[in-house]
Amino acid sequence: MVGKSVSKPNQDLYAAWNALHGVMDPEIPVISVVDLGIVREVRLDDNGVEVVITPTYSGCPAGQQIEQDIRSALDEAGLTDARLTVTLSPPWTTDWMTDQGRENLRAFGIAPPQKTASKRALFEDASATECPHCGSSETALVSEFGSTACKAIWRCQACREPFDHFKCI
């Protein structure tokens, strides 16, 4: 046996995932919609490829742009018949973010959310948020309202730098 060809359905699934990994969040352009955990599933049925997404929250101002960017990426990958389904249940959580996505946020200067941390616990315990600049856990919440609704503003007590922190949801 010289080689094995990949079936068209498998090629379509691969092409969809590959395209989705290239769709970046419009508000945080260092994290893809896959690494952010918005893409819940890519499945194949009798009607072709379906991409299921869950927005970070129903009022996210970037939601429509993300849907348009996903649609464009699928079209560019030759998947013009792919369906995009938006579901709100179960609601999105920061626990769905990949480790790579968390690292991309940190490298960009945004403190990533802790896994399985509740919002209340995070804001009561400043040591739960490490500074993305110097790694110190000596940090303090400045404002629960950051540059976007999904971020809060913190300050590092060690290096004195302010930074965004991606809120736990």
Protein backbone atom coordinates (compact mmCIF):
# COMPACT_ATOMS: atom_id res chain seq x y z
CA MET A 1 0.00 0.00 0.00
CA VAL A 2 1.62 3.22 -1.19
CA GLY A 3 -0.62 5.77 0.50
CA LYS A 4 -3.99 6.23 1.98
CA SER A 5 -6.26 9.02 0.84
CA VAL A 6 -8.33 10.97 3.32
CA SER A 7 -12.07 10.91 2.72
CA LYS A 8 -13.87 14.11 1.70
CA PRO A 9 -15.81 14.34 5.00
CA ASN A 10 -12.58 14.07 7.01
CA GLN A 11 -10.96 16.66 4.74
CA ASP A 12 -13.89 19.01 5.40
CA LEU A 13 -13.62 18.58 9.18
CA TYR A 14 -9.87 19.18 9.04
CA ALA A 15 -10.35 22.24 6.81
CA ALA A 16 -12.99 23.64 9.17
CA TRP A 17 -10.83 23.24 12.28
CA ASN A 18 -7.83 24.66 10.44
CA ALA A 19 -9.84 27.70 9.33
CA LEU A 20 -11.27 28.26 12.81
CA HIS A 21 -7.82 28.26 14.43
CA GLY A 22 -7.05 31.28 12.24
CA VAL A 23 -10.06 33.34 13.40
CA MET A 24 -8.87 35.72 16.08
CA ASP A 25 -11.01 37.48 18.66
CA PRO A 26 -11.51 41.04 17.32
CA GLU A 27 -11.03 42.61 20.77
CA ILE A 28 -8.04 40.46 21.77
CA PRO A 29 -6.25 39.60 18.51
CA VAL A 30 -3.81 37.14 20.08
CA ILE A 31 -6.36 34.47 20.89
CA SER A 32 -8.33 32.41 18.39
CA VAL A 33 -12.00 31.60 18.77
CA VAL A 34 -10.91 27.97 19.27
CA ASP A 35 -8.46 28.82 22.07
CA LEU A 36 -11.02 31.17 23.61
CA GLY A 37 -13.45 28.25 23.81
CA ILE A 38 -16.14 29.86 21.68
CA VAL A 39 -16.07 26.98 19.18
CA ARG A 40 -17.86 24.19 20.98
CA GLU A 41 -18.04 21.61 18.24
CA VAL A 42 -17.37 20.96 14.58
CA ARG A 43 -19.46 18.07 13.36
CA LEU A 44 -20.38 16.36 10.17
CA ASP A 45 -23.87 15.14 9.34
CA ASP A 46 -25.83 14.33 6.19
CA ASN A 47 -26.05 18.05 5.39
CA GLY A 48 -22.30 18.69 5.68
CA VAL A 49 -20.20 20.56 8.22
CA GLU A 50 -21.79 22.35 11.15
CA VAL A 51 -19.84 24.64 13.47
CA VAL A 52 -21.41 25.19 16.89
CA ILE A 53 -20.33 28.27 18.82
CA THR A 54 -21.21 29.77 22.18
CA PRO A 55 -20.53 33.50 22.56
CA THR A 56 -18.70 34.65 25.67
CA TYR A 57 -21.90 36.36 26.69
CA SER A 58 -25.09 37.28 24.86
CA GLY A 59 -24.36 41.03 24.85
CA CYS A 60 -20.76 40.80 23.65
CA PRO A 61 -20.22 43.67 21.18
CA ALA A 62 -17.79 41.50 19.20
CA GLY A 63 -20.32 38.68 18.75
CA GLN A 64 -21.52 39.66 15.29
CA GLN A 65 -17.99 40.32 14.08
CA ILE A 66 -16.87 36.91 15.35
CA GLU A 67 -19.73 35.21 13.49
CA GLN A 68 -18.86 37.11 10.29
CA ASP A 69 -15.17 36.24 10.65
CA ILE A 70 -15.98 32.56 11.16
CA ARG A 71 -18.28 32.57 8.14
CA SER A 72 -15.58 34.22 6.02
CA ALA A 73 -12.91 31.76 7.17
CA LEU A 74 -15.14 28.79 6.36
CA ASP A 75 -15.96 30.26 2.94
CA GLU A 76 -12.26 30.85 2.21
CA ALA A 77 -11.57 27.23 3.17
CA GLY A 78 -14.05 26.13 0.50
CA LEU A 79 -16.75 25.24 3.01
CA THR A 80 -19.40 27.58 1.64
CA ASP A 81 -22.18 25.15 2.64
CA ALA A 82 -20.99 24.87 6.25
CA ARG A 83 -23.60 25.87 8.80
CA LEU A 84 -22.92 28.09 11.79
CA THR A 85 -25.08 27.43 14.82
CA VAL A 86 -25.07 29.71 17.86
CA THR A 87 -26.09 28.18 21.17
CA LEU A 88 -26.32 29.86 24.56
CA SER A 89 -26.73 26.69 26.59
CA PRO A 90 -24.67 25.74 28.38
CA PRO A 91 -23.36 29.27 28.85
CA TRP A 92 -19.74 29.96 27.96
CA THR A 93 -17.20 29.83 30.77
CA THR A 94 -13.54 30.79 30.97
CA ASP A 95 -12.89 27.17 31.89
CA TRP A 96 -13.36 26.38 28.18
CA MET A 97 -10.24 28.37 27.24
CA THR A 98 -7.26 26.28 26.19
CA ASP A 99 -3.92 26.41 27.95
CA GLN A 100 -2.46 27.88 24.75
CA GLY A 101 -5.10 30.62 24.81
CA ARG A 102 -4.26 31.45 28.43
CA GLU A 103 -0.57 31.63 27.57
CA ASN A 104 -1.29 33.88 24.56
CA LEU A 105 -3.18 36.27 26.85
CA ARG A 106 -0.32 36.32 29.37
CA ALA A 107 2.27 36.97 26.64
CA PHE A 108 0.10 39.85 25.38
CA GLY A 109 0.03 41.42 28.85
CA ILE A 110 -3.42 40.26 29.94
CA ALA A 111 -3.67 38.12 33.05
CA PRO A 112 -5.65 35.01 32.10
CA PRO A 113 -8.45 33.76 34.33
CA GLN A 114 -7.76 31.00 36.80
CA LYS A 115 -9.36 27.68 35.93
CA THR A 116 -12.54 26.88 37.88
CA ALA A 117 -12.22 30.09 39.89
CA SER A 118 -15.46 31.79 40.80
CA LYS A 119 -15.77 35.50 40.14
CA ARG A 120 -16.45 36.23 43.81
CA ALA A 121 -13.40 34.27 45.00
CA LEU A 122 -11.19 35.94 42.41
CA PHE A 123 -12.10 39.48 43.44
CA GLU A 124 -11.84 38.70 47.14
CA ASP A 125 -8.38 37.12 46.81
CA ALA A 126 -5.93 39.36 44.95
CA SER A 127 -3.24 36.68 45.20
CA ALA A 128 -5.23 34.63 42.68
CA THR A 129 -4.17 37.04 39.91
CA GLU A 130 -0.55 37.03 38.81
CA CYS A 131 1.00 39.99 37.04
CA PRO A 132 1.52 39.10 33.36
CA HIS A 133 4.58 41.41 33.28
CA CYS A 134 6.67 40.14 36.21
CA GLY A 135 4.74 37.12 37.55
CA SER A 136 4.23 38.57 41.02
CA SER A 137 1.11 37.57 42.92
CA GLU A 138 1.20 40.89 44.80
CA THR A 139 -1.61 42.45 42.79
CA ALA A 140 -4.66 44.57 43.53
CA LEU A 141 -7.94 45.16 41.77
CA VAL A 142 -8.25 48.75 40.55
CA SER A 143 -11.60 48.49 38.77
CA GLU A 144 -13.95 45.67 37.82
CA PHE A 145 -14.54 47.60 34.60
CA GLY A 146 -11.69 47.36 32.10
CA SER A 147 -11.10 48.20 28.45
CA THR A 148 -13.80 45.71 27.49
CA ALA A 149 -16.65 44.18 29.48
CA CYS A 150 -14.78 40.89 29.82
CA LYS A 151 -11.75 42.45 31.52
CA ALA A 152 -10.98 44.20 34.81
CA ILE A 153 -8.07 46.53 35.60
CA TRP A 154 -5.47 45.40 38.11
CA ARG A 155 -2.13 46.81 39.29
CA CYS A 156 0.97 44.92 40.29
CA GLN A 157 2.35 46.00 43.67
CA ALA A 158 5.81 44.65 42.77
CA CYS A 159 6.50 46.22 39.35
CA ARG A 160 3.76 48.88 39.69
CA GLU A 161 2.44 48.17 36.19
CA PRO A 162 -1.31 48.21 35.51
CA PHE A 163 -2.73 45.32 33.50
CA ASP A 164 -5.99 43.89 32.23
CA HIS A 165 -7.29 40.70 33.78
CA PHE A 166 -9.67 38.50 31.83
CA LYS A 167 -12.65 38.01 34.14
CA CYS A 168 -13.74 34.57 35.23
CA ILE A 169 -17.20 33.70 34.07
